[in-house]
Amino acid sequence: MAKLRDLVDVNINRDVIKIQGVEFPVIFTFESFPYLQEAYGKPYGEFEKDLNEMLKGEVTVGEKETKIMSALIYSMIRSGGTEATFDEVKGAIPLHDLVEIFKVIMPIFNRQMFQTEDADKVKTEKKS
């Protein structure tokens, strides 16, 4: 029997980011929503609103912006298959690297084209 990976690219939605020189697979799918909400501490709709507000002008990196960026990075790392806690991810990324990593993940996030209504349909239970 043929294997799917022999017929099509099963990693078409997977990308990588580098933290401390090490590559980590990242992806943003429906599986990412619970991780994002866990890290951000608010529903996806509020995260999206805050993210859009942050991106309106020149991004200054303060506490709120750092949390937005870190939460998105964390959710994509977890969805990509790497076990980590939010605190581990925050602690692993030096502040001077955060914005550069964020620039890499934003196009990945943007290509998914989820609507807030889609996110609201996903259970908000915590991933284990």
C-alpha atoms as a PDB file:
ATOM      1  CA  MET A   1       0.000   0.000   0.000  1.00  0.00           C
ATOM      2  CA  ALA A   2       1.291   3.470  -0.866  1.00  0.00           C
ATOM      3  CA  LYS A   3       2.268   5.839   1.917  1.00  0.00           C
ATOM      4  CA  LEU A   4       0.895   9.351   1.853  1.00  0.00           C
ATOM      5  CA  ARG A   5       4.380  10.829   2.336  1.00  0.00           C
ATOM      6  CA  ASP A   6       5.493   9.028  -0.839  1.00  0.00           C
ATOM      7  CA  LEU A   7       2.704  10.667  -2.835  1.00  0.00           C
ATOM      8  CA  VAL A   8       2.548  14.229  -1.533  1.00  0.00           C
ATOM      9  CA  ASP A   9       4.518  16.674   0.568  1.00  0.00           C
ATOM     10  CA  VAL A  10       3.194  16.007   4.077  1.00  0.00           C
ATOM     11  CA  ASN A  11       5.270  18.873   5.481  1.00  0.00           C
ATOM     12  CA  ILE A  12       3.857  21.578   3.211  1.00  0.00           C
ATOM     13  CA  ASN A  13       2.635  23.594   6.215  1.00  0.00           C
ATOM     14  CA  ARG A  14       5.762  23.025   8.322  1.00  0.00           C
ATOM     15  CA  ASP A  15       8.548  25.510   8.641  1.00  0.00           C
ATOM     16  CA  VAL A  16      11.440  25.948  11.050  1.00  0.00           C
ATOM     17  CA  ILE A  17      12.691  28.661  13.346  1.00  0.00           C
ATOM     18  CA  LYS A  18      16.058  28.870  15.043  1.00  0.00           C
ATOM     19  CA  ILE A  19      16.478  29.393  18.757  1.00  0.00           C
ATOM     20  CA  GLN A  20      20.058  29.564  19.979  1.00  0.00           C
ATOM     21  CA  GLY A  21      21.154  28.129  16.624  1.00  0.00           C
ATOM     22  CA  VAL A  22      18.922  25.039  16.898  1.00  0.00           C
ATOM     23  CA  GLU A  23      16.127  24.472  14.373  1.00  0.00           C
ATOM     24  CA  PHE A  24      12.617  23.778  15.655  1.00  0.00           C
ATOM     25  CA  PRO A  25       9.711  22.707  13.441  1.00  0.00           C
ATOM     26  CA  VAL A  26       6.761  25.101  13.655  1.00  0.00           C
ATOM     27  CA  ILE A  27       3.239  25.040  12.292  1.00  0.00           C
ATOM     28  CA  PHE A  28       0.022  26.940  12.941  1.00  0.00           C
ATOM     29  CA  THR A  29      -3.153  24.872  12.732  1.00  0.00           C
ATOM     30  CA  PHE A  30      -6.330  24.415  14.746  1.00  0.00           C
ATOM     31  CA  GLU A  31      -4.172  22.391  17.133  1.00  0.00           C
ATOM     32  CA  SER A  32      -2.329  25.628  17.924  1.00  0.00           C
ATOM     33  CA  PHE A  33      -5.316  27.471  19.418  1.00  0.00           C
ATOM     34  CA  PRO A  34      -5.346  25.796  22.850  1.00  0.00           C
ATOM     35  CA  TYR A  35      -1.582  26.345  23.190  1.00  0.00           C
ATOM     36  CA  LEU A  36      -1.966  29.987  22.196  1.00  0.00           C
ATOM     37  CA  GLN A  37      -4.818  30.562  24.638  1.00  0.00           C
ATOM     38  CA  GLU A  38      -2.902  28.769  27.394  1.00  0.00           C
ATOM     39  CA  ALA A  39       0.155  30.970  26.880  1.00  0.00           C
ATOM     40  CA  TYR A  40      -1.702  34.244  26.315  1.00  0.00           C
ATOM     41  CA  GLY A  41      -4.251  33.656  29.060  1.00  0.00           C
ATOM     42  CA  LYS A  42      -7.112  35.009  26.951  1.00  0.00           C
ATOM     43  CA  PRO A  43      -9.391  33.713  24.162  1.00  0.00           C
ATOM     44  CA  TYR A  44      -8.064  33.750  20.598  1.00  0.00           C
ATOM     45  CA  GLY A  45     -10.277  36.698  19.623  1.00  0.00           C
ATOM     46  CA  GLU A  46      -8.587  38.903  22.218  1.00  0.00           C
ATOM     47  CA  PHE A  47      -5.153  37.685  21.156  1.00  0.00           C
ATOM     48  CA  GLU A  48      -5.933  38.511  17.520  1.00  0.00           C
ATOM     49  CA  LYS A  49      -7.256  41.965  18.464  1.00  0.00           C
ATOM     50  CA  ASP A  50      -4.141  42.703  20.534  1.00  0.00           C
ATOM     51  CA  LEU A  51      -1.854  41.378  17.782  1.00  0.00           C
ATOM     52  CA  ASN A  52      -3.532  43.564  15.156  1.00  0.00           C
ATOM     53  CA  GLU A  53      -3.289  46.584  17.443  1.00  0.00           C
ATOM     54  CA  MET A  54       0.407  45.891  18.001  1.00  0.00           C
ATOM     55  CA  LEU A  55       1.049  45.656  14.261  1.00  0.00           C
ATOM     56  CA  LYS A  56      -0.714  48.931  13.386  1.00  0.00           C
ATOM     57  CA  GLY A  57       2.354  51.086  13.817  1.00  0.00           C
ATOM     58  CA  GLU A  58       6.006  50.706  14.576  1.00  0.00           C
ATOM     59  CA  VAL A  59       6.383  47.827  17.014  1.00  0.00           C
ATOM     60  CA  THR A  60       7.953  48.765  20.304  1.00  0.00           C
ATOM     61  CA  VAL A  61       8.867  45.803  22.433  1.00  0.00           C
ATOM     62  CA  GLY A  62       7.299  46.132  25.839  1.00  0.00           C
ATOM     63  CA  GLU A  63       5.809  43.593  28.221  1.00  0.00           C
ATOM     64  CA  LYS A  64       2.541  43.219  26.273  1.00  0.00           C
ATOM     65  CA  GLU A  65       4.294  42.877  22.909  1.00  0.00           C
ATOM     66  CA  THR A  66       6.740  40.361  24.329  1.00  0.00           C
ATOM     67  CA  LYS A  67       3.846  38.248  25.622  1.00  0.00           C
ATOM     68  CA  ILE A  68       2.042  38.379  22.256  1.00  0.00           C
ATOM     69  CA  MET A  69       5.162  37.334  20.347  1.00  0.00           C
ATOM     70  CA  SER A  70       6.173  34.657  22.852  1.00  0.00           C
ATOM     71  CA  ALA A  71       2.665  33.166  23.000  1.00  0.00           C
ATOM     72  CA  LEU A  72       2.495  32.829  19.227  1.00  0.00           C
ATOM     73  CA  ILE A  73       5.979  31.330  19.029  1.00  0.00           C
ATOM     74  CA  TYR A  74       5.155  28.893  21.854  1.00  0.00           C
ATOM     75  CA  SER A  75       1.924  27.744  20.185  1.00  0.00           C
ATOM     76  CA  MET A  76       3.715  27.118  16.897  1.00  0.00           C
ATOM     77  CA  ILE A  77       6.593  25.239  18.544  1.00  0.00           C
ATOM     78  CA  ARG A  78       4.164  23.001  20.448  1.00  0.00           C
ATOM     79  CA  SER A  79       2.045  22.375  17.353  1.00  0.00           C
ATOM     80  CA  GLY A  80       5.239  21.566  15.470  1.00  0.00           C
ATOM     81  CA  GLY A  81       5.834  18.677  17.859  1.00  0.00           C
ATOM     82  CA  THR A  82       8.302  19.987  20.434  1.00  0.00           C
ATOM     83  CA  GLU A  83       7.462  19.498  24.102  1.00  0.00           C
ATOM     84  CA  ALA A  84       8.030  22.702  26.060  1.00  0.00           C
ATOM     85  CA  THR A  85       6.406  24.944  28.598  1.00  0.00           C
ATOM     86  CA  PHE A  86       5.617  28.573  27.896  1.00  0.00           C
ATOM     87  CA  ASP A  87       8.175  29.610  30.511  1.00  0.00           C
ATOM     88  CA  GLU A  88      10.835  27.449  28.842  1.00  0.00           C
ATOM     89  CA  VAL A  89      10.191  29.073  25.477  1.00  0.00           C
ATOM     90  CA  LYS A  90      10.276  32.577  26.988  1.00  0.00           C
ATOM     91  CA  GLY A  91      13.503  31.728  28.805  1.00  0.00           C
ATOM     92  CA  ALA A  92      15.138  30.182  25.743  1.00  0.00           C
ATOM     93  CA  ILE A  93      14.733  33.197  23.460  1.00  0.00           C
ATOM     94  CA  PRO A  94      16.974  36.174  24.172  1.00  0.00           C
ATOM     95  CA  LEU A  95      15.053  39.441  23.862  1.00  0.00           C
ATOM     96  CA  HIS A  96      17.275  40.598  21.002  1.00  0.00           C
ATOM     97  CA  ASP A  97      16.256  37.452  19.013  1.00  0.00           C
ATOM     98  CA  LEU A  98      12.521  37.652  19.782  1.00  0.00           C
ATOM     99  CA  VAL A  99      11.618  40.172  17.075  1.00  0.00           C
ATOM    100  CA  GLU A 100      13.642  38.316  14.427  1.00  0.00           C
ATOM    101  CA  ILE A 101      11.928  35.011  15.253  1.00  0.00           C
ATOM    102  CA  PHE A 102       8.576  36.806  15.244  1.00  0.00           C
ATOM    103  CA  LYS A 103       9.313  38.105  11.723  1.00  0.00           C
ATOM    104  CA  VAL A 104       9.834  34.497  10.603  1.00  0.00           C
ATOM    105  CA  ILE A 105       6.615  33.145  12.131  1.00  0.00           C
ATOM    106  CA  MET A 106       4.243  35.948  11.070  1.00  0.00           C
ATOM    107  CA  PRO A 107       4.093  34.866   7.406  1.00  0.00           C
ATOM    108  CA  ILE A 108       3.407  31.298   8.576  1.00  0.00           C
ATOM    109  CA  PHE A 109       0.626  32.551  10.851  1.00  0.00           C
ATOM    110  CA  ASN A 110      -0.814  34.837   8.159  1.00  0.00           C
ATOM    111  CA  ARG A 111      -1.039  32.130   5.506  1.00  0.00           C
ATOM    112  CA  GLN A 112      -3.457  30.094   7.596  1.00  0.00           C
ATOM    113  CA  MET A 113      -6.249  32.678   7.181  1.00  0.00           C
ATOM    114  CA  PHE A 114      -8.277  31.634  10.236  1.00  0.00           C
ATOM    115  CA  GLN A 115     -11.192  33.745  11.294  1.00  0.00           C
ATOM    116  CA  THR A 116     -12.028  34.446  14.934  1.00  0.00           C
ATOM    117  CA  GLU A 117     -15.259  32.488  14.442  1.00  0.00           C
ATOM    118  CA  ASP A 118     -13.186  29.448  13.436  1.00  0.00           C
ATOM    119  CA  ALA A 119     -11.128  29.685  16.598  1.00  0.00           C
ATOM    120  CA  ASP A 120     -14.247  29.993  18.725  1.00  0.00           C
ATOM    121  CA  LYS A 121     -15.381  26.588  17.438  1.00  0.00           C
ATOM    122  CA  VAL A 122     -12.273  24.907  18.809  1.00  0.00           C
ATOM    123  CA  LYS A 123     -12.469  23.575  22.338  1.00  0.00           C
ATOM    124  CA  THR A 124     -10.462  25.672  24.736  1.00  0.00           C
ATOM    125  CA  GLU A 125      -9.379  22.820  26.949  1.00  0.00           C
ATOM    126  CA  LYS A 126      -5.738  22.730  27.873  1.00  0.00           C
ATOM    127  CA  LYS A 127      -3.427  20.498  25.823  1.00  0.00           C
ATOM    128  CA  SER A 128      -1.446  17.936  27.759  1.00  0.00           C
END
